[in-house]
Amino acid sequence: MTAINDAANARAVLDAVLLTMDGRPGKANTVLRRRRVVGNVVKYAIEVGHLDEDPFKRITWTPPKASKRLDRRRVPNPAQVAELLTAVSYVGSWERGRGRRLAAFFACMYYAMMRPEEVIALRVSDCHLPDKGWGLLTLEKATPTAGKAWTDSGKVHDEKGLKQRPEDEIRPVPIPPVLVAMLKTHISEFAARNGDGRVFGNERGGRIVASTYSRVWREARPFAMTSDRGDSLLAAVLYDLRHAGVSLGLRSTRDPALIAERAGHSVEIMMSTYSWVLDDQDKIANKAIEDALGDDPSV
């Protein structure tokens, strides 16, 4: 750590943050995240006495700008989501149920705006699933995939409270009848294999890992996409389902505070990321120009 007191070494560290492992420029969000990690390491080094001050303060280095606004090209509409969720059931054999086991998992990310680690931690006891009408999920825990080397327990998943919430605080999320029905079907067919009361598990009843659900999503997507959309950004990654759910909720209710609460966001993050959902100015402007043009091509 003391080597970065030398300005040349400090700059080399910051320049390395800009690149991926294969030497290509990293994406802005990745670079900024790595810069924060390096900054935390330096703070700890100062705390324990290895450094007297932050050596990066002497370096002129401009971080890349990252867009906080969500790219609307990534966000599927409700009909496209329905097609994608149907396509998930086509993955793998029907008997093993590799895709069918995850259809409701992905549906939770859309209809309940949940993060994957929240879906993994969902228990049957957290689900109120009535015969008619809307249900309710009471979210309490998240189990992000950290890797065995990075958890105190030595397990792949870490046990945590909800993101951006005090420990033990819950987040109630109302869910529409379509998700109620999917969860009831999933629980009746698959949940009994999970010994600790979890809704979702792998074929052996263990916890689902990120590589599994990501692979199923990649395999399912071509079933739902037309040939001209296969290489598009639309629903390119699984997390786009959550983005789509939040976008739909915001567009439908026009209530950022309500949807931020259900999604586990701050209102600030909600508006900086999803503000385009409430931007109707293009449509209004286009209509005004169309009216002004009328039927006279010379106007």
Protein backbone atom coordinates (compact mmCIF):
# COMPACT_ATOMS: atom_id res chain seq x y z
CA MET A 1 0.00 0.00 0.00
CA THR A 2 2.80 2.43 0.76
CA ALA A 3 3.95 2.16 -2.87
CA ILE A 4 1.03 4.28 -4.03
CA ASN A 5 2.46 7.27 -2.16
CA ASP A 6 4.52 7.59 -5.33
CA ALA A 7 2.46 9.62 -7.79
CA ALA A 8 3.41 7.41 -10.75
CA ASN A 9 2.15 4.31 -8.95
CA ALA A 10 -1.05 6.05 -7.85
CA ARG A 11 -1.76 7.06 -11.45
CA ALA A 12 -1.04 3.51 -12.63
CA VAL A 13 -3.67 2.22 -10.21
CA LEU A 14 -6.28 4.66 -11.50
CA ASP A 15 -5.42 3.87 -15.12
CA ALA A 16 -5.79 0.15 -14.38
CA VAL A 17 -9.27 0.80 -12.98
CA LEU A 18 -10.29 2.00 -16.46
CA LEU A 19 -9.61 -1.36 -18.11
CA THR A 20 -11.13 -4.83 -18.08
CA MET A 21 -9.06 -7.95 -17.48
CA ASP A 22 -8.39 -8.29 -21.21
CA GLY A 23 -7.19 -4.70 -21.54
CA ARG A 24 -10.31 -3.20 -23.11
CA PRO A 25 -11.94 -0.01 -21.78
CA GLY A 26 -14.45 -0.83 -19.05
CA LYS A 27 -18.00 0.50 -18.94
CA ALA A 28 -18.48 3.71 -16.99
CA ASN A 29 -20.52 2.15 -14.18
CA THR A 30 -17.94 -0.62 -13.75
CA VAL A 31 -15.07 1.88 -13.64
CA LEU A 32 -16.83 4.04 -11.04
CA ARG A 33 -17.60 1.01 -8.89
CA ARG A 34 -13.96 -0.09 -8.98
CA ARG A 35 -12.83 3.43 -8.13
CA ARG A 36 -15.04 3.37 -5.04
CA VAL A 37 -13.54 0.03 -4.01
CA VAL A 38 -9.98 1.39 -4.37
CA GLY A 39 -11.01 4.45 -2.38
CA ASN A 40 -12.32 2.26 0.44
CA VAL A 41 -9.05 0.30 0.49
CA VAL A 42 -7.12 3.56 0.84
CA LYS A 43 -9.39 4.72 3.68
CA TYR A 44 -8.75 1.48 5.53
CA ALA A 45 -4.97 1.80 4.94
CA ILE A 46 -5.09 5.28 6.49
CA GLU A 47 -7.15 3.97 9.39
CA VAL A 48 -4.60 1.26 10.28
CA GLY A 49 -1.60 3.53 9.76
CA HIS A 50 -0.15 2.30 6.46
CA LEU A 51 -0.83 5.65 4.76
CA ASP A 52 -0.91 9.19 6.16
CA GLU A 53 -3.24 10.63 3.54
CA ASP A 54 -5.09 9.76 0.35
CA PRO A 55 -2.42 9.71 -2.42
CA PHE A 56 -5.07 10.01 -5.12
CA LYS A 57 -5.85 13.58 -4.07
CA ARG A 58 -2.59 14.64 -5.70
CA ILE A 59 -3.53 13.04 -9.02
CA THR A 60 -5.48 14.85 -11.75
CA TRP A 61 -7.82 12.12 -12.95
CA THR A 62 -11.27 12.55 -14.45
CA PRO A 63 -13.63 9.60 -13.99
CA PRO A 64 -15.90 8.64 -16.89
CA LYS A 65 -19.47 9.86 -16.83
CA ALA A 66 -22.10 7.19 -16.28
CA SER A 67 -25.69 7.67 -17.34
CA LYS A 68 -28.17 7.13 -14.52
CA ARG A 69 -31.09 7.14 -16.92
CA LEU A 70 -32.30 3.72 -18.02
CA ASP A 71 -32.04 2.94 -21.73
CA ARG A 72 -35.67 2.48 -22.77
CA ARG A 73 -34.62 0.11 -25.56
CA ARG A 74 -33.93 -2.52 -22.90
CA VAL A 75 -37.43 -2.47 -21.41
CA PRO A 76 -39.97 -5.03 -22.68
CA ASN A 77 -43.67 -4.22 -22.67
CA PRO A 78 -46.23 -6.44 -20.87
CA ALA A 79 -46.99 -8.54 -23.97
CA GLN A 80 -43.29 -9.14 -24.58
CA VAL A 81 -42.77 -10.11 -20.93
CA ALA A 82 -45.61 -12.63 -21.18
CA GLU A 83 -43.96 -14.16 -24.26
CA LEU A 84 -40.59 -14.29 -22.51
CA LEU A 85 -42.03 -16.00 -19.42
CA THR A 86 -43.75 -18.56 -21.62
CA ALA A 87 -40.49 -19.16 -23.46
CA VAL A 88 -38.75 -19.92 -20.16
CA SER A 89 -40.89 -23.04 -19.76
CA TYR A 90 -39.48 -24.38 -23.06
CA VAL A 91 -35.94 -24.58 -21.66
CA GLY A 92 -34.87 -28.11 -20.82
CA SER A 93 -37.05 -31.20 -20.68
CA TRP A 94 -40.55 -31.00 -19.23
CA GLU A 95 -39.78 -33.80 -16.77
CA ARG A 96 -36.75 -32.12 -15.21
CA GLY A 97 -38.49 -28.77 -15.30
CA ARG A 98 -35.31 -26.69 -15.57
CA GLY A 99 -37.14 -23.81 -17.21
CA ARG A 100 -40.54 -24.34 -15.56
CA ARG A 101 -38.84 -24.18 -12.16
CA LEU A 102 -37.77 -20.61 -12.94
CA ALA A 103 -40.81 -19.15 -14.72
CA ALA A 104 -42.35 -17.86 -11.48
CA PHE A 105 -38.88 -16.77 -10.31
CA PHE A 106 -38.58 -14.44 -13.30
CA ALA A 107 -42.22 -13.38 -12.93
CA CYS A 108 -41.45 -12.15 -9.39
CA MET A 109 -38.78 -9.86 -10.81
CA TYR A 110 -41.34 -8.29 -13.15
CA TYR A 111 -44.69 -8.32 -11.37
CA ALA A 112 -43.27 -7.75 -7.86
CA MET A 113 -40.24 -5.67 -8.98
CA MET A 114 -37.93 -7.90 -6.92
CA ARG A 115 -34.17 -8.28 -7.10
CA PRO A 116 -32.87 -11.82 -7.79
CA GLU A 117 -31.40 -12.11 -4.29
CA GLU A 118 -34.81 -11.24 -2.84
CA VAL A 119 -36.54 -13.90 -4.94
CA ILE A 120 -34.00 -16.52 -3.84
CA ALA A 121 -34.75 -15.72 -0.18
CA LEU A 122 -38.56 -15.76 -0.60
CA ARG A 123 -40.28 -18.27 1.71
CA VAL A 124 -43.70 -19.84 1.37
CA SER A 125 -44.65 -18.17 4.67
CA ASP A 126 -43.89 -14.77 3.09
CA CYS A 127 -46.62 -15.29 0.47
CA HIS A 128 -50.29 -14.41 0.91
CA LEU A 129 -51.94 -15.96 -2.13
CA PRO A 130 -55.75 -15.66 -2.06
CA ASP A 131 -58.09 -17.52 -4.39
CA LYS A 132 -59.19 -14.22 -5.97
CA GLY A 133 -57.72 -10.78 -6.38
CA TRP A 134 -54.36 -9.39 -5.44
CA GLY A 135 -51.92 -11.13 -3.14
CA LEU A 136 -49.09 -9.86 -0.96
CA LEU A 137 -45.42 -10.75 -0.57
CA THR A 138 -43.73 -9.70 2.68
CA LEU A 139 -40.03 -9.38 1.88
CA GLU A 140 -37.61 -9.61 4.77
CA LYS A 141 -34.33 -11.14 3.58
CA ALA A 142 -31.99 -11.13 0.60
CA THR A 143 -29.39 -13.74 -0.26
CA PRO A 144 -26.97 -12.23 -2.79
CA THR A 145 -24.47 -14.49 -4.50
CA ALA A 146 -21.10 -13.56 -3.01
CA GLY A 147 -19.02 -16.71 -3.48
CA LYS A 148 -17.67 -19.08 -0.84
CA ALA A 149 -14.48 -17.07 -0.39
CA TRP A 150 -16.40 -13.94 0.60
CA THR A 151 -19.00 -15.18 3.11
CA ASP A 152 -18.45 -15.83 6.82
CA SER A 153 -20.37 -19.11 6.51
CA GLY A 154 -18.35 -20.45 3.58
CA LYS A 155 -21.52 -20.75 1.52
CA VAL A 156 -22.13 -19.30 -1.94
CA HIS A 157 -24.93 -17.00 -0.76
CA ASP A 158 -24.70 -14.33 1.91
CA GLU A 159 -27.58 -13.78 4.34
CA LYS A 160 -28.59 -10.13 4.56
CA GLY A 161 -31.45 -7.80 5.23
CA LEU A 162 -33.11 -5.96 2.37
CA LYS A 163 -30.99 -3.56 0.34
CA GLN A 164 -31.14 0.08 1.47
CA ARG A 165 -33.20 -0.91 4.54
CA PRO A 166 -32.36 -1.20 8.24
CA GLU A 167 -31.76 -4.75 9.47
CA ASP A 168 -35.01 -6.71 10.03
CA GLU A 169 -37.19 -4.11 8.27
CA ILE A 170 -39.73 -5.69 5.95
CA ARG A 171 -41.05 -4.54 2.57
CA PRO A 172 -44.63 -5.50 1.71
CA VAL A 173 -45.27 -5.78 -2.03
CA PRO A 174 -48.79 -6.25 -3.43
CA ILE A 175 -48.82 -8.65 -6.39
CA PRO A 176 -51.38 -8.95 -9.22
CA PRO A 177 -53.54 -12.05 -9.75
CA VAL A 178 -51.35 -13.31 -12.60
CA LEU A 179 -48.37 -13.67 -10.25
CA VAL A 180 -50.58 -15.10 -7.49
CA ALA A 181 -51.61 -17.89 -9.87
CA MET A 182 -48.05 -18.55 -11.02
CA LEU A 183 -46.74 -18.78 -7.46
CA LYS A 184 -49.54 -21.10 -6.35
CA THR A 185 -48.78 -23.44 -9.25
CA HIS A 186 -45.04 -23.31 -8.60
CA ILE A 187 -45.36 -23.93 -4.85
CA SER A 188 -47.64 -26.93 -5.36
CA GLU A 189 -45.24 -28.52 -7.84
CA PHE A 190 -41.75 -27.60 -6.65
CA ALA A 191 -41.57 -25.97 -3.20
CA ALA A 192 -41.94 -29.16 -1.13
CA ARG A 193 -38.41 -30.18 -2.20
CA ASN A 194 -36.93 -27.14 -0.46
CA GLY A 195 -36.39 -28.19 3.15
CA ASP A 196 -36.15 -24.72 4.67
CA GLY A 197 -39.45 -23.38 3.38
CA ARG A 198 -38.07 -21.48 0.42
CA VAL A 199 -40.32 -21.00 -2.60
CA PHE A 200 -37.52 -21.50 -5.12
CA GLY A 201 -34.76 -24.08 -5.28
CA ASN A 202 -32.79 -26.17 -7.72
CA GLU A 203 -33.56 -29.78 -8.64
CA ARG A 204 -32.01 -31.03 -5.39
CA GLY A 205 -33.77 -28.44 -3.25
CA GLY A 206 -30.68 -26.27 -2.81
CA ARG A 207 -30.41 -22.56 -3.43
CA ILE A 208 -30.48 -21.34 -7.02
CA VAL A 209 -27.22 -19.70 -8.12
CA ALA A 210 -26.81 -16.79 -10.52
CA SER A 211 -25.13 -18.86 -13.22
CA THR A 212 -28.18 -21.15 -13.38
CA TYR A 213 -30.90 -18.55 -13.79
CA SER A 214 -28.74 -16.42 -16.11
CA ARG A 215 -28.13 -19.41 -18.39
CA VAL A 216 -31.84 -20.28 -18.51
CA TRP A 217 -32.66 -16.68 -19.43
CA ARG A 218 -30.13 -16.70 -22.27
CA GLU A 219 -31.58 -19.95 -23.59
CA ALA A 220 -35.20 -18.80 -23.29
CA ARG A 221 -34.82 -15.39 -24.91
CA PRO A 222 -34.41 -16.64 -28.54
CA PHE A 223 -37.69 -18.58 -28.25
CA ALA A 224 -39.58 -15.32 -27.66
CA MET A 225 -37.63 -12.98 -29.94
CA THR A 226 -38.22 -12.57 -33.64
CA SER A 227 -35.11 -12.88 -35.80
CA ASP A 228 -34.77 -9.10 -36.15
CA ARG A 229 -34.79 -8.61 -32.36
CA GLY A 230 -32.41 -11.39 -31.39
CA ASP A 231 -29.38 -9.09 -31.28
CA SER A 232 -31.26 -6.10 -29.85
CA LEU A 233 -30.97 -4.69 -26.33
CA LEU A 234 -34.55 -5.69 -25.52
CA ALA A 235 -34.54 -7.78 -22.32
CA ALA A 236 -30.90 -8.61 -23.05
CA VAL A 237 -30.19 -9.34 -19.40
CA LEU A 238 -32.43 -10.75 -16.72
CA TYR A 239 -32.42 -7.56 -14.64
CA ASP A 240 -34.32 -5.85 -17.45
CA LEU A 241 -37.41 -7.64 -16.11
CA ARG A 242 -37.18 -5.67 -12.88
CA HIS A 243 -36.61 -2.48 -14.86
CA ALA A 244 -39.70 -3.28 -16.91
CA GLY A 245 -41.80 -3.89 -13.79
CA VAL A 246 -40.72 -0.62 -12.18
CA SER A 247 -41.32 1.27 -15.44
CA LEU A 248 -44.81 -0.21 -15.81
CA GLY A 249 -45.71 0.63 -12.23
CA LEU A 250 -44.50 4.21 -12.55
CA ARG A 251 -46.23 4.76 -15.88
CA SER A 252 -49.49 3.28 -14.60
CA THR A 253 -49.70 5.01 -11.21
CA ARG A 254 -47.73 8.22 -11.87
CA ASP A 255 -46.74 7.89 -8.19
CA PRO A 256 -42.92 7.72 -7.80
CA ALA A 257 -43.04 7.46 -4.00
CA LEU A 258 -45.39 4.46 -4.07
CA ILE A 259 -43.42 2.53 -6.68
CA ALA A 260 -40.10 3.41 -5.04
CA GLU A 261 -41.43 1.91 -1.80
CA ARG A 262 -42.55 -1.30 -3.51
CA ALA A 263 -39.31 -1.65 -5.47
CA GLY A 264 -37.05 -0.87 -2.53
CA HIS A 265 -35.63 2.29 -4.14
CA SER A 266 -35.24 5.82 -2.91
CA VAL A 267 -37.41 8.35 -4.73
CA GLU A 268 -34.21 10.06 -5.91
CA ILE A 269 -32.96 6.89 -7.58
CA MET A 270 -36.42 6.24 -8.99
CA MET A 271 -36.62 9.61 -10.70
CA SER A 272 -33.02 9.72 -11.95
CA THR A 273 -33.26 6.22 -13.45
CA TYR A 274 -36.85 5.99 -14.67
CA SER A 275 -37.77 9.62 -15.33
CA TRP A 276 -38.19 8.89 -19.06
CA VAL A 277 -41.33 6.90 -18.19
CA LEU A 278 -43.10 10.12 -17.20
CA ASP A 279 -41.75 12.11 -20.15
CA ASP A 280 -44.72 12.61 -22.48
CA GLN A 281 -43.35 15.71 -24.18
CA ASP A 282 -42.26 13.97 -27.41
CA LYS A 283 -45.74 12.61 -28.03
CA ILE A 284 -47.34 15.99 -27.27
CA ALA A 285 -44.85 17.83 -29.50
CA ASN A 286 -45.34 15.37 -32.37
CA LYS A 287 -49.12 15.81 -32.17
CA ALA A 288 -48.79 19.60 -32.21
CA ILE A 289 -46.54 19.51 -35.29
CA GLU A 290 -48.84 17.03 -37.02
CA ASP A 291 -51.83 19.31 -36.40
CA ALA A 292 -49.88 22.29 -37.71
CA LEU A 293 -48.91 20.45 -40.90
CA GLY A 294 -52.46 19.43 -41.61
CA ASP A 295 -53.03 18.22 -45.15
CA ASP A 296 -50.96 20.94 -46.84
CA PRO A 297 -47.50 19.62 -47.79
CA SER A 298 -46.27 23.19 -48.44
CA VAL A 299 -46.70 24.22 -44.79
